[in-house]
Amino acid sequence: MGHDGVVSAEDLENYETDMELALYREYRDVVGLFSYVVETERRFYLANQVDLQVRSAAGEVYFELSLGDAWVWDVYRSARFVKSVRVVTFRDVNVEELAKAELDLGESGPFPS
């Protein structure tokens, strides 16, 4: 922390880097518990139940996504495990089923251990 209790840009950047690294490590620890990876334009989820419905209203197509037993990639959430999530979006949603062999990132992830 800088003078007079002011947080510098560098302190903030270091804090955010540490938070991202901790989040990645948590992801690496929990990914084996889940069957699906889900990406929306705003969030990245791991989940065991995924229901994706394409809807339309007033000529606009949108996606309604329901996830059960999920984990949310979000640095600012203290509770990342959630029982159920409902997302409505007008953008594409990407859902991939995880092959168990792909889950073991070992030590070769994007961040050093």
PDB file of N, CA and C in Angstrom:
ATOM      1  N   MET A   1       0.853  -1.190   0.000  1.00  0.00           N
ATOM      2  CA  MET A   1       0.000   0.000   0.000  1.00  0.00           C
ATOM      3  C   MET A   1       0.887   1.236   0.000  1.00  0.00           C
ATOM      4  N   GLY A   2       0.525   2.230  -0.753  1.00  0.00           N
ATOM      5  CA  GLY A   2       1.321   3.450  -0.901  1.00  0.00           C
ATOM      6  C   GLY A   2       1.178   4.370   0.299  1.00  0.00           C
ATOM      7  N   HIS A   3       1.646   5.585   0.142  1.00  0.00           N
ATOM      8  CA  HIS A   3       1.565   6.584   1.214  1.00  0.00           C
ATOM      9  C   HIS A   3       0.121   6.937   1.514  1.00  0.00           C
ATOM     10  N   ASP A   4      -0.148   7.292   2.741  1.00  0.00           N
ATOM     11  CA  ASP A   4      -1.478   7.744   3.177  1.00  0.00           C
ATOM     12  C   ASP A   4      -2.574   6.701   2.932  1.00  0.00           C
ATOM     13  N   GLY A   5      -2.186   5.418   2.921  1.00  0.00           N
ATOM     14  CA  GLY A   5      -3.195   4.368   2.743  1.00  0.00           C
ATOM     15  C   GLY A   5      -3.768   4.287   1.338  1.00  0.00           C
ATOM     16  N   VAL A   6      -3.150   4.963   0.378  1.00  0.00           N
ATOM     17  CA  VAL A   6      -3.649   4.942  -1.000  1.00  0.00           C
ATOM     18  C   VAL A   6      -3.080   3.713  -1.706  1.00  0.00           C
ATOM     19  N   VAL A   7      -3.944   2.991  -2.406  1.00  0.00           N
ATOM     20  CA  VAL A   7      -3.505   1.815  -3.148  1.00  0.00           C
ATOM     21  C   VAL A   7      -3.016   2.269  -4.518  1.00  0.00           C
ATOM     22  N   SER A   8      -1.794   1.880  -4.866  1.00  0.00           N
ATOM     23  CA  SER A   8      -1.249   2.279  -6.162  1.00  0.00           C
ATOM     24  C   SER A   8      -1.794   1.390  -7.273  1.00  0.00           C
ATOM     25  N   ALA A   9      -1.650   1.835  -8.504  1.00  0.00           N
ATOM     26  CA  ALA A   9      -2.080   1.036  -9.655  1.00  0.00           C
ATOM     27  C   ALA A   9      -1.317  -0.286  -9.677  1.00  0.00           C
ATOM     28  N   GLU A  10      -0.045  -0.232  -9.287  1.00  0.00           N
ATOM     29  CA  GLU A  10       0.775  -1.443  -9.278  1.00  0.00           C
ATOM     30  C   GLU A  10       0.271  -2.431  -8.221  1.00  0.00           C
ATOM     31  N   ASP A  11      -0.072  -1.915  -7.025  1.00  0.00           N
ATOM     32  CA  ASP A  11      -0.625  -2.763  -5.966  1.00  0.00           C
ATOM     33  C   ASP A  11      -1.899  -3.447  -6.453  1.00  0.00           C
ATOM     34  N   LEU A  12      -2.736  -2.659  -7.100  1.00  0.00           N
ATOM     35  CA  LEU A  12      -4.013  -3.180  -7.585  1.00  0.00           C
ATOM     36  C   LEU A  12      -3.791  -4.243  -8.646  1.00  0.00           C
ATOM     37  N   GLU A  13      -2.862  -3.991  -9.538  1.00  0.00           N
ATOM     38  CA  GLU A  13      -2.556  -4.957 -10.595  1.00  0.00           C
ATOM     39  C   GLU A  13      -2.023  -6.255 -10.004  1.00  0.00           C
ATOM     40  N   ASN A  14      -1.127  -6.138  -9.006  1.00  0.00           N
ATOM     41  CA  ASN A  14      -0.582  -7.327  -8.343  1.00  0.00           C
ATOM     42  C   ASN A  14      -1.680  -8.104  -7.637  1.00  0.00           C
ATOM     43  N   TYR A  15      -2.581  -7.391  -6.966  1.00  0.00           N
ATOM     44  CA  TYR A  15      -3.698  -8.021  -6.261  1.00  0.00           C
ATOM     45  C   TYR A  15      -4.570  -8.789  -7.255  1.00  0.00           C
ATOM     46  N   GLU A  16      -4.901  -8.141  -8.402  1.00  0.00           N
ATOM     47  CA  GLU A  16      -5.749  -8.796  -9.398  1.00  0.00           C
ATOM     48  C   GLU A  16      -5.057 -10.016 -10.000  1.00  0.00           C
ATOM     49  N   THR A  17      -3.752  -9.922 -10.218  1.00  0.00           N
ATOM     50  CA  THR A  17      -2.999 -11.063 -10.739  1.00  0.00           C
ATOM     51  C   THR A  17      -3.047 -12.215  -9.736  1.00  0.00           C
ATOM     52  N   ASP A  18      -2.859 -11.906  -8.461  1.00  0.00           N
ATOM     53  CA  ASP A  18      -2.914 -12.930  -7.407  1.00  0.00           C
ATOM     54  C   ASP A  18      -4.302 -13.572  -7.354  1.00  0.00           C
ATOM     55  N   MET A  19      -5.344 -12.743  -7.493  1.00  0.00           N
ATOM     56  CA  MET A  19      -6.718 -13.257  -7.464  1.00  0.00           C
ATOM     57  C   MET A  19      -6.970 -14.190  -8.650  1.00  0.00           C
ATOM     58  N   GLU A  20      -6.512 -13.790  -9.838  1.00  0.00           N
ATOM     59  CA  GLU A  20      -6.672 -14.622 -11.041  1.00  0.00           C
ATOM     60  C   GLU A  20      -5.937 -15.946 -10.872  1.00  0.00           C
ATOM     61  N   LEU A  21      -4.739 -15.885 -10.327  1.00  0.00           N
ATOM     62  CA  LEU A  21      -3.952 -17.093 -10.129  1.00  0.00           C
ATOM     63  C   LEU A  21      -4.638 -18.035  -9.135  1.00  0.00           C
ATOM     64  N   ALA A  22      -5.160 -17.474  -8.047  1.00  0.00           N
ATOM     65  CA  ALA A  22      -5.882 -18.275  -7.059  1.00  0.00           C
ATOM     66  C   ALA A  22      -7.130 -18.898  -7.694  1.00  0.00           C
ATOM     67  N   LEU A  23      -7.805 -18.132  -8.538  1.00  0.00           N
ATOM     68  CA  LEU A  23      -9.010 -18.625  -9.209  1.00  0.00           C
ATOM     69  C   LEU A  23      -8.653 -19.753 -10.160  1.00  0.00           C
ATOM     70  N   TYR A  24      -7.575 -19.588 -10.920  1.00  0.00           N
ATOM     71  CA  TYR A  24      -7.136 -20.648 -11.823  1.00  0.00           C
ATOM     72  C   TYR A  24      -6.808 -21.919 -11.051  1.00  0.00           C
ATOM     73  N   ARG A  25      -6.129 -21.757  -9.912  1.00  0.00           N
ATOM     74  CA  ARG A  25      -5.783 -22.936  -9.099  1.00  0.00           C
ATOM     75  C   ARG A  25      -7.040 -23.624  -8.589  1.00  0.00           C
ATOM     76  N   GLU A  26      -8.045 -22.825  -8.201  1.00  0.00           N
ATOM     77  CA  GLU A  26      -9.310 -23.408  -7.745  1.00  0.00           C
ATOM     78  C   GLU A  26      -9.978 -24.157  -8.902  1.00  0.00           C
ATOM     79  N   TYR A  27      -9.985 -23.538 -10.078  1.00  0.00           N
ATOM     80  CA  TYR A  27     -10.539 -24.193 -11.275  1.00  0.00           C
ATOM     81  C   TYR A  27      -9.851 -25.534 -11.511  1.00  0.00           C
ATOM     82  N   ARG A  28      -8.535 -25.518 -11.457  1.00  0.00           N
ATOM     83  CA  ARG A  28      -7.759 -26.743 -11.697  1.00  0.00           C
ATOM     84  C   ARG A  28      -8.132 -27.827 -10.679  1.00  0.00           C
ATOM     85  N   ASP A  29      -8.401 -27.423  -9.442  1.00  0.00           N
ATOM     86  CA  ASP A  29      -8.764 -28.375  -8.391  1.00  0.00           C
ATOM     87  C   ASP A  29     -10.168 -28.932  -8.555  1.00  0.00           C
ATOM     88  N   VAL A  30     -11.091 -28.139  -9.107  1.00  0.00           N
ATOM     89  CA  VAL A  30     -12.496 -28.568  -9.145  1.00  0.00           C
ATOM     90  C   VAL A  30     -12.968 -29.084 -10.500  1.00  0.00           C
ATOM     91  N   VAL A  31     -12.224 -28.824 -11.569  1.00  0.00           N
ATOM     92  CA  VAL A  31     -12.717 -29.143 -12.910  1.00  0.00           C
ATOM     93  C   VAL A  31     -13.094 -30.619 -13.061  1.00  0.00           C
ATOM     94  N   GLY A  32     -12.386 -31.500 -12.369  1.00  0.00           N
ATOM     95  CA  GLY A  32     -12.668 -32.931 -12.445  1.00  0.00           C
ATOM     96  C   GLY A  32     -14.017 -33.337 -11.873  1.00  0.00           C
ATOM     97  N   LEU A  33     -14.658 -32.430 -11.137  1.00  0.00           N
ATOM     98  CA  LEU A  33     -15.959 -32.727 -10.539  1.00  0.00           C
ATOM     99  C   LEU A  33     -17.112 -32.467 -11.503  1.00  0.00           C
ATOM    100  N   PHE A  34     -16.829 -31.879 -12.670  1.00  0.00           N
ATOM    101  CA  PHE A  34     -17.892 -31.423 -13.558  1.00  0.00           C
ATOM    102  C   PHE A  34     -17.852 -32.097 -14.925  1.00  0.00           C
ATOM    103  N   SER A  35     -19.014 -32.097 -15.588  1.00  0.00           N
ATOM    104  CA  SER A  35     -19.160 -32.745 -16.889  1.00  0.00           C
ATOM    105  C   SER A  35     -19.160 -31.778 -18.065  1.00  0.00           C
ATOM    106  N   TYR A  36     -19.489 -30.507 -17.814  1.00  0.00           N
ATOM    107  CA  TYR A  36     -19.628 -29.548 -18.907  1.00  0.00           C
ATOM    108  C   TYR A  36     -18.900 -28.244 -18.620  1.00  0.00           C
ATOM    109  N   VAL A  37     -18.413 -27.646 -19.705  1.00  0.00           N
ATOM    110  CA  VAL A  37     -17.887 -26.283 -19.674  1.00  0.00           C
ATOM    111  C   VAL A  37     -18.890 -25.445 -20.449  1.00  0.00           C
ATOM    112  N   VAL A  38     -19.308 -24.324 -19.882  1.00  0.00           N
ATOM    113  CA  VAL A  38     -20.301 -23.462 -20.530  1.00  0.00           C
ATOM    114  C   VAL A  38     -19.748 -22.037 -20.580  1.00  0.00           C
ATOM    115  N   GLU A  39     -19.767 -21.443 -21.769  1.00  0.00           N
ATOM    116  CA  GLU A  39     -19.313 -20.062 -21.927  1.00  0.00           C
ATOM    117  C   GLU A  39     -20.449 -19.209 -22.461  1.00  0.00           C
ATOM    118  N   THR A  40     -20.693 -18.098 -21.777  1.00  0.00           N
ATOM    119  CA  THR A  40     -21.618 -17.092 -22.292  1.00  0.00           C
ATOM    120  C   THR A  40     -20.770 -15.849 -22.547  1.00  0.00           C
ATOM    121  N   GLU A  41     -21.378 -14.771 -23.035  1.00  0.00           N
ATOM    122  CA  GLU A  41     -20.558 -13.585 -23.302  1.00  0.00           C
ATOM    123  C   GLU A  41     -20.053 -12.939 -22.022  1.00  0.00           C
ATOM    124  N   ARG A  42     -20.682 -13.259 -20.888  1.00  0.00           N
ATOM    125  CA  ARG A  42     -20.279 -12.607 -19.634  1.00  0.00           C
ATOM    126  C   ARG A  42     -19.578 -13.516 -18.641  1.00  0.00           C
ATOM    127  N   ARG A  43     -19.820 -14.822 -18.728  1.00  0.00           N
ATOM    128  CA  ARG A  43     -19.315 -15.727 -17.698  1.00  0.00           C
ATOM    129  C   ARG A  43     -18.833 -17.049 -18.289  1.00  0.00           C
ATOM    130  N   PHE A  44     -18.057 -17.744 -17.481  1.00  0.00           N
ATOM    131  CA  PHE A  44     -17.557 -19.082 -17.784  1.00  0.00           C
ATOM    132  C   PHE A  44     -18.001 -19.958 -16.618  1.00  0.00           C
ATOM    133  N   TYR A  45     -18.616 -21.104 -16.917  1.00  0.00           N
ATOM    134  CA  TYR A  45     -19.135 -21.992 -15.872  1.00  0.00           C
ATOM    135  C   TYR A  45     -18.638 -23.413 -16.082  1.00  0.00           C
ATOM    136  N   LEU A  46     -18.571 -24.140 -14.986  1.00  0.00           N
ATOM    137  CA  LEU A  46     -18.476 -25.596 -15.015  1.00  0.00           C
ATOM    138  C   LEU A  46     -19.813 -26.067 -14.460  1.00  0.00           C
ATOM    139  N   ALA A  47     -20.365 -27.152 -15.009  1.00  0.00           N
ATOM    140  CA  ALA A  47     -21.671 -27.606 -14.525  1.00  0.00           C
ATOM    141  C   ALA A  47     -21.838 -29.102 -14.760  1.00  0.00           C
ATOM    142  N   ASN A  48     -22.760 -29.692 -14.016  1.00  0.00           N
ATOM    143  CA  ASN A  48     -23.089 -31.103 -14.228  1.00  0.00           C
ATOM    144  C   ASN A  48     -24.422 -31.293 -14.931  1.00  0.00           C
ATOM    145  N   GLN A  49     -25.295 -30.301 -14.872  1.00  0.00           N
ATOM    146  CA  GLN A  49     -26.539 -30.346 -15.650  1.00  0.00           C
ATOM    147  C   GLN A  49     -26.633 -29.068 -16.475  1.00  0.00           C
ATOM    148  N   VAL A  50     -26.956 -29.244 -17.755  1.00  0.00           N
ATOM    149  CA  VAL A  50     -27.089 -28.105 -18.661  1.00  0.00           C
ATOM    150  C   VAL A  50     -28.357 -28.285 -19.480  1.00  0.00           C
ATOM    151  N   ASP A  51     -29.187 -27.254 -19.483  1.00  0.00           N
ATOM    152  CA  ASP A  51     -30.377 -27.251 -20.335  1.00  0.00           C
ATOM    153  C   ASP A  51     -30.363 -25.934 -21.106  1.00  0.00           C
ATOM    154  N   LEU A  52     -30.238 -26.032 -22.429  1.00  0.00           N
ATOM    155  CA  LEU A  52     -30.172 -24.840 -23.275  1.00  0.00           C
ATOM    156  C   LEU A  52     -31.391 -24.817 -24.186  1.00  0.00           C
ATOM    157  N   GLN A  53     -32.188 -23.773 -24.072  1.00  0.00           N
ATOM    158  CA  GLN A  53     -33.393 -23.616 -24.895  1.00  0.00           C
ATOM    159  C   GLN A  53     -33.242 -22.380 -25.771  1.00  0.00           C
ATOM    160  N   VAL A  54     -33.598 -22.530 -27.037  1.00  0.00           N
ATOM    161  CA  VAL A  54     -33.608 -21.376 -27.935  1.00  0.00           C
ATOM    162  C   VAL A  54     -35.030 -20.843 -27.948  1.00  0.00           C
ATOM    163  N   ARG A  55     -35.198 -19.575 -27.656  1.00  0.00           N
ATOM    164  CA  ARG A  55     -36.517 -18.959 -27.571  1.00  0.00           C
ATOM    165  C   ARG A  55     -36.603 -17.797 -28.546  1.00  0.00           C
ATOM    166  N   SER A  56     -37.812 -17.347 -28.790  1.00  0.00           N
ATOM    167  CA  SER A  56     -37.942 -16.111 -29.564  1.00  0.00           C
ATOM    168  C   SER A  56     -39.115 -15.317 -29.031  1.00  0.00           C
ATOM    169  N   ALA A  57     -38.940 -14.011 -29.056  1.00  0.00           N
ATOM    170  CA  ALA A  57     -39.977 -13.095 -28.605  1.00  0.00           C
ATOM    171  C   ALA A  57     -39.881 -11.857 -29.469  1.00  0.00           C
ATOM    172  N   ALA A  58     -40.991 -11.432 -30.010  1.00  0.00           N
ATOM    173  CA  ALA A  58     -41.050 -10.229 -30.860  1.00  0.00           C
ATOM    174  C   ALA A  58     -40.010 -10.297 -31.977  1.00  0.00           C
ATOM    175  N   GLY A  59     -39.841 -11.488 -32.542  1.00  0.00           N
ATOM    176  CA  GLY A  59     -38.921 -11.653 -33.657  1.00  0.00           C
ATOM    177  C   GLY A  59     -37.454 -11.751 -33.276  1.00  0.00           C
ATOM    178  N   GLU A  60     -37.148 -11.645 -31.998  1.00  0.00           N
ATOM    179  CA  GLU A  60     -35.760 -11.753 -31.538  1.00  0.00           C
ATOM    180  C   GLU A  60     -35.509 -13.141 -30.982  1.00  0.00           C
ATOM    181  N   VAL A  61     -34.408 -13.740 -31.373  1.00  0.00           N
ATOM    182  CA  VAL A  61     -34.035 -15.048 -30.844  1.00  0.00           C
ATOM    183  C   VAL A  61     -33.141 -14.836 -29.626  1.00  0.00           C
ATOM    184  N   TYR A  62     -33.403 -15.598 -28.567  1.00  0.00           N
ATOM    185  CA  TYR A  62     -32.517 -15.533 -27.407  1.00  0.00           C
ATOM    186  C   TYR A  62     -32.355 -16.933 -26.834  1.00  0.00           C
ATOM    187  N   PHE A  63     -31.408 -17.072 -25.929  1.00  0.00           N
ATOM    188  CA  PHE A  63     -31.087 -18.365 -25.340  1.00  0.00           C
ATOM    189  C   PHE A  63     -31.401 -18.328 -23.857  1.00  0.00           C
ATOM    190  N   GLU A  64     -32.044 -19.388 -23.395  1.00  0.00           N
ATOM    191  CA  GLU A  64     -32.308 -19.532 -21.965  1.00  0.00           C
ATOM    192  C   GLU A  64     -31.523 -20.750 -21.497  1.00  0.00           C
ATOM    193  N   LEU A  65     -30.614 -20.503 -20.570  1.00  0.00           N
ATOM    194  CA  LEU A  65     -29.692 -21.521 -20.114  1.00  0.00           C
ATOM    195  C   LEU A  65     -29.943 -21.802 -18.639  1.00  0.00           C
ATOM    196  N   SER A  66     -30.157 -23.068 -18.322  1.00  0.00           N
ATOM    197  CA  SER A  66     -30.306 -23.464 -16.914  1.00  0.00           C
ATOM    198  C   SER A  66     -29.188 -24.442 -16.584  1.00  0.00           C
ATOM    199  N   LEU A  67     -28.447 -24.130 -15.530  1.00  0.00           N
ATOM    200  CA  LEU A  67     -27.351 -24.990 -15.095  1.00  0.00           C
ATOM    201  C   LEU A  67     -27.632 -25.505 -13.700  1.00  0.00           C
ATOM    202  N   GLY A  68     -27.291 -26.755 -13.470  1.00  0.00           N
ATOM    203  CA  GLY A  68     -27.419 -27.320 -12.129  1.00  0.00           C
ATOM    204  C   GLY A  68     -26.055 -27.751 -11.638  1.00  0.00           C
ATOM    205  N   ASP A  69     -25.825 -27.602 -10.352  1.00  0.00           N
ATOM    206  CA  ASP A  69     -24.584 -28.030  -9.728  1.00  0.00           C
ATOM    207  C   ASP A  69     -23.425 -27.390 -10.475  1.00  0.00           C
ATOM    208  N   ALA A  70     -23.248 -26.088 -10.301  1.00  0.00           N
ATOM    209  CA  ALA A  70     -22.305 -25.324 -11.123  1.00  0.00           C
ATOM    210  C   ALA A  70     -21.224 -24.629 -10.292  1.00  0.00           C
ATOM    211  N   TRP A  71     -20.177 -24.248 -11.000  1.00  0.00           N
ATOM    212  CA  TRP A  71     -19.082 -23.448 -10.449  1.00  0.00           C
ATOM    213  C   TRP A  71     -18.882 -22.287 -11.405  1.00  0.00           C
ATOM    214  N   VAL A  72     -18.760 -21.077 -10.862  1.00  0.00           N
ATOM    215  CA  VAL A  72     -18.686 -19.863 -11.672  1.00  0.00           C
ATOM    216  C   VAL A  72     -17.267 -19.296 -11.647  1.00  0.00           C
ATOM    217  N   TRP A  73     -16.722 -19.030 -12.852  1.00  0.00           N
ATOM    218  CA  TRP A  73     -15.404 -18.377 -12.927  1.00  0.00           C
ATOM    219  C   TRP A  73     -15.639 -16.889 -12.707  1.00  0.00           C
ATOM    220  N   ASP A  74     -15.401 -16.430 -11.495  1.00  0.00           N
ATOM    221  CA  ASP A  74     -15.610 -15.029 -11.176  1.00  0.00           C
ATOM    222  C   ASP A  74     -14.723 -14.666  -9.991  1.00  0.00           C
ATOM    223  N   VAL A  75     -13.728 -13.841 -10.255  1.00  0.00           N
ATOM    224  CA  VAL A  75     -12.769 -13.434  -9.227  1.00  0.00           C
ATOM    225  C   VAL A  75     -13.470 -12.777  -8.039  1.00  0.00           C
ATOM    226  N   TYR A  76     -14.556 -12.067  -8.300  1.00  0.00           N
ATOM    227  CA  TYR A  76     -15.168 -11.237  -7.254  1.00  0.00           C
ATOM    228  C   TYR A  76     -16.251 -11.939  -6.447  1.00  0.00           C
ATOM    229  N   ARG A  77     -16.542 -13.202  -6.755  1.00  0.00           N
ATOM    230  CA  ARG A  77     -17.515 -13.975  -5.956  1.00  0.00           C
ATOM    231  C   ARG A  77     -16.772 -14.769  -4.905  1.00  0.00           C
ATOM    232  N   SER A  78     -17.244 -14.714  -3.674  1.00  0.00           N
ATOM    233  CA  SER A  78     -16.602 -15.544  -2.653  1.00  0.00           C
ATOM    234  C   SER A  78     -17.169 -16.963  -2.718  1.00  0.00           C
ATOM    235  N   ALA A  79     -18.453 -17.091  -3.053  1.00  0.00           N
ATOM    236  CA  ALA A  79     -19.082 -18.414  -3.178  1.00  0.00           C
ATOM    237  C   ALA A  79     -19.252 -18.727  -4.657  1.00  0.00           C
ATOM    238  N   ARG A  80     -18.335 -19.552  -5.178  1.00  0.00           N
ATOM    239  CA  ARG A  80     -18.388 -19.849  -6.610  1.00  0.00           C
ATOM    240  C   ARG A  80     -19.200 -21.092  -6.937  1.00  0.00           C
ATOM    241  N   PHE A  81     -19.447 -21.951  -5.940  1.00  0.00           N
ATOM    242  CA  PHE A  81     -20.290 -23.123  -6.164  1.00  0.00           C
ATOM    243  C   PHE A  81     -21.744 -22.709  -6.015  1.00  0.00           C
ATOM    244  N   VAL A  82     -22.558 -22.986  -7.016  1.00  0.00           N
ATOM    245  CA  VAL A  82     -23.972 -22.622  -6.945  1.00  0.00           C
ATOM    246  C   VAL A  82     -24.829 -23.818  -7.334  1.00  0.00           C
ATOM    247  N   LYS A  83     -25.963 -23.956  -6.645  1.00  0.00           N
ATOM    248  CA  LYS A  83     -26.876 -25.082  -6.881  1.00  0.00           C
ATOM    249  C   LYS A  83     -27.513 -24.975  -8.265  1.00  0.00           C
ATOM    250  N   SER A  84     -27.975 -23.774  -8.616  1.00  0.00           N
ATOM    251  CA  SER A  84     -28.580 -23.605  -9.933  1.00  0.00           C
ATOM    252  C   SER A  84     -28.355 -22.187 -10.438  1.00  0.00           C
ATOM    253  N   VAL A  85     -28.246 -22.077 -11.752  1.00  0.00           N
ATOM    254  CA  VAL A  85     -28.013 -20.793 -12.406  1.00  0.00           C
ATOM    255  C   VAL A  85     -28.961 -20.708 -13.591  1.00  0.00           C
ATOM    256  N   ARG A  86     -29.582 -19.557 -13.791  1.00  0.00           N
ATOM    257  CA  ARG A  86     -30.402 -19.329 -14.983  1.00  0.00           C
ATOM    258  C   ARG A  86     -29.849 -18.104 -15.683  1.00  0.00           C
ATOM    259  N   VAL A  87     -29.536 -18.265 -16.967  1.00  0.00           N
ATOM    260  CA  VAL A  87     -28.950 -17.182 -17.749  1.00  0.00           C
ATOM    261  C   VAL A  87     -29.820 -16.971 -18.981  1.00  0.00           C
ATOM    262  N   VAL A  88     -30.140 -15.727 -19.270  1.00  0.00           N
ATOM    263  CA  VAL A  88     -30.840 -15.381 -20.511  1.00  0.00           C
ATOM    264  C   VAL A  88     -29.905 -14.472 -21.295  1.00  0.00           C
ATOM    265  N   THR A  89     -29.628 -14.836 -22.534  1.00  0.00           N
ATOM    266  CA  THR A  89     -28.690 -14.053 -23.338  1.00  0.00           C
ATOM    267  C   THR A  89     -29.122 -14.017 -24.794  1.00  0.00           C
ATOM    268  N   PHE A  90     -28.768 -12.946 -25.473  1.00  0.00           N
ATOM    269  CA  PHE A  90     -29.043 -12.807 -26.899  1.00  0.00           C
ATOM    270  C   PHE A  90     -27.831 -13.218 -27.729  1.00  0.00           C
ATOM    271  N   ARG A  91     -26.740 -13.557 -27.054  1.00  0.00           N
ATOM    272  CA  ARG A  91     -25.517 -13.977 -27.739  1.00  0.00           C
ATOM    273  C   ARG A  91     -25.406 -15.495 -27.709  1.00  0.00           C
ATOM    274  N   ASP A  92     -24.511 -16.006 -28.543  1.00  0.00           N
ATOM    275  CA  ASP A  92     -24.286 -17.452 -28.571  1.00  0.00           C
ATOM    276  C   ASP A  92     -23.819 -17.967 -27.222  1.00  0.00           C
ATOM    277  N   VAL A  93     -24.188 -19.202 -26.957  1.00  0.00           N
ATOM    278  CA  VAL A  93     -23.741 -19.900 -25.758  1.00  0.00           C
ATOM    279  C   VAL A  93     -22.960 -21.115 -26.236  1.00  0.00           C
ATOM    280  N   ASN A  94     -21.795 -21.338 -25.660  1.00  0.00           N
ATOM    281  CA  ASN A  94     -20.987 -22.486 -26.037  1.00  0.00           C
ATOM    282  C   ASN A  94     -21.025 -23.505 -24.898  1.00  0.00           C
ATOM    283  N   VAL A  95     -21.466 -24.739 -25.211  1.00  0.00           N
ATOM    284  CA  VAL A  95     -21.515 -25.808 -24.217  1.00  0.00           C
ATOM    285  C   VAL A  95     -20.663 -26.957 -24.743  1.00  0.00           C
ATOM    286  N   GLU A  96     -19.710 -27.384 -23.946  1.00  0.00           N
ATOM    287  CA  GLU A  96     -18.873 -28.519 -24.326  1.00  0.00           C
ATOM    288  C   GLU A  96     -18.896 -29.557 -23.227  1.00  0.00           C
ATOM    289  N   GLU A  97     -19.018 -30.820 -23.640  1.00  0.00           N
ATOM    290  CA  GLU A  97     -18.923 -31.904 -22.667  1.00  0.00           C
ATOM    291  C   GLU A  97     -17.447 -32.206 -22.478  1.00  0.00           C
ATOM    292  N   LEU A  98     -17.038 -32.328 -21.225  1.00  0.00           N
ATOM    293  CA  LEU A  98     -15.637 -32.579 -20.922  1.00  0.00           C
ATOM    294  C   LEU A  98     -15.343 -34.072 -21.009  1.00  0.00           C
ATOM    295  N   ALA A  99     -14.298 -34.415 -21.740  1.00  0.00           N
ATOM    296  CA  ALA A  99     -13.807 -35.793 -21.736  1.00  0.00           C
ATOM    297  C   ALA A  99     -12.905 -35.895 -20.513  1.00  0.00           C
ATOM    298  N   LYS A 100     -13.056 -36.946 -19.751  1.00  0.00           N
ATOM    299  CA  LYS A 100     -12.314 -37.037 -18.492  1.00  0.00           C
ATOM    300  C   LYS A 100     -10.804 -36.939 -18.703  1.00  0.00           C
ATOM    301  N   ALA A 101     -10.275 -37.430 -19.821  1.00  0.00           N
ATOM    302  CA  ALA A 101      -8.834 -37.354 -20.083  1.00  0.00           C
ATOM    303  C   ALA A 101      -8.368 -35.907 -20.251  1.00  0.00           C
ATOM    304  N   GLU A 102      -9.233 -35.048 -20.787  1.00  0.00           N
ATOM    305  CA  GLU A 102      -8.871 -33.650 -21.010  1.00  0.00           C
ATOM    306  C   GLU A 102      -8.779 -32.863 -19.700  1.00  0.00           C
ATOM    307  N   LEU A 103      -9.401 -33.396 -18.668  1.00  0.00           N
ATOM    308  CA  LEU A 103      -9.507 -32.628 -17.434  1.00  0.00           C
ATOM    309  C   LEU A 103      -8.202 -32.521 -16.676  1.00  0.00           C
ATOM    310  N   ASP A 104      -7.332 -33.481 -16.849  1.00  0.00           N
ATOM    311  CA  ASP A 104      -6.104 -33.466 -16.069  1.00  0.00           C
ATOM    312  C   ASP A 104      -5.095 -32.540 -16.718  1.00  0.00           C
ATOM    313  N   LEU A 105      -5.118 -31.276 -16.313  1.00  0.00           N
ATOM    314  CA  LEU A 105      -4.197 -30.298 -16.866  1.00  0.00           C
ATOM    315  C   LEU A 105      -2.808 -30.467 -16.264  1.00  0.00           C
ATOM    316  N   GLY A 106      -2.748 -31.219 -15.168  1.00  0.00           N
ATOM    317  CA  GLY A 106      -1.465 -31.442 -14.512  1.00  0.00           C
ATOM    318  C   GLY A 106      -0.796 -30.129 -14.178  1.00  0.00           C
ATOM    319  N   GLU A 107       0.483 -30.055 -14.418  1.00  0.00           N
ATOM    320  CA  GLU A 107       1.232 -28.838 -14.125  1.00  0.00           C
ATOM    321  C   GLU A 107       1.441 -27.999 -15.385  1.00  0.00           C
ATOM    322  N   SER A 108       0.807 -28.373 -16.488  1.00  0.00           N
ATOM    323  CA  SER A 108       1.085 -27.691 -17.746  1.00  0.00           C
ATOM    324  C   SER A 108       0.035 -26.653 -18.106  1.00  0.00           C
ATOM    325  N   GLY A 109      -0.634 -26.106 -17.119  1.00  0.00           N
ATOM    326  CA  GLY A 109      -1.631 -25.077 -17.387  1.00  0.00           C
ATOM    327  C   GLY A 109      -0.969 -23.759 -17.777  1.00  0.00           C
ATOM    328  N   PRO A 110      -1.763 -22.736 -18.021  1.00  0.00           N
ATOM    329  CA  PRO A 110      -1.209 -21.446 -18.455  1.00  0.00           C
ATOM    330  C   PRO A 110      -0.440 -20.698 -17.364  1.00  0.00           C
ATOM    331  N   PHE A 111      -0.596 -21.107 -16.121  1.00  0.00           N
ATOM    332  CA  PHE A 111       0.110 -20.433 -15.031  1.00  0.00           C
ATOM    333  C   PHE A 111       1.087 -21.403 -14.390  1.00  0.00           C
ATOM    334  N   PRO A 112       2.223 -20.926 -13.941  1.00  0.00           N
ATOM    335  CA  PRO A 112       3.149 -21.822 -13.206  1.00  0.00           C
ATOM    336  C   PRO A 112       2.563 -22.142 -11.833  1.00  0.00           C
ATOM    337  N   SER A 113       2.961 -23.251 -11.265  1.00  0.00           N
ATOM    338  CA  SER A 113       2.462 -23.635  -9.938  1.00  0.00           C
ATOM    339  C   SER A 113       3.136 -22.826  -8.849  1.00  0.00           C
TER     340      SER A 113
END
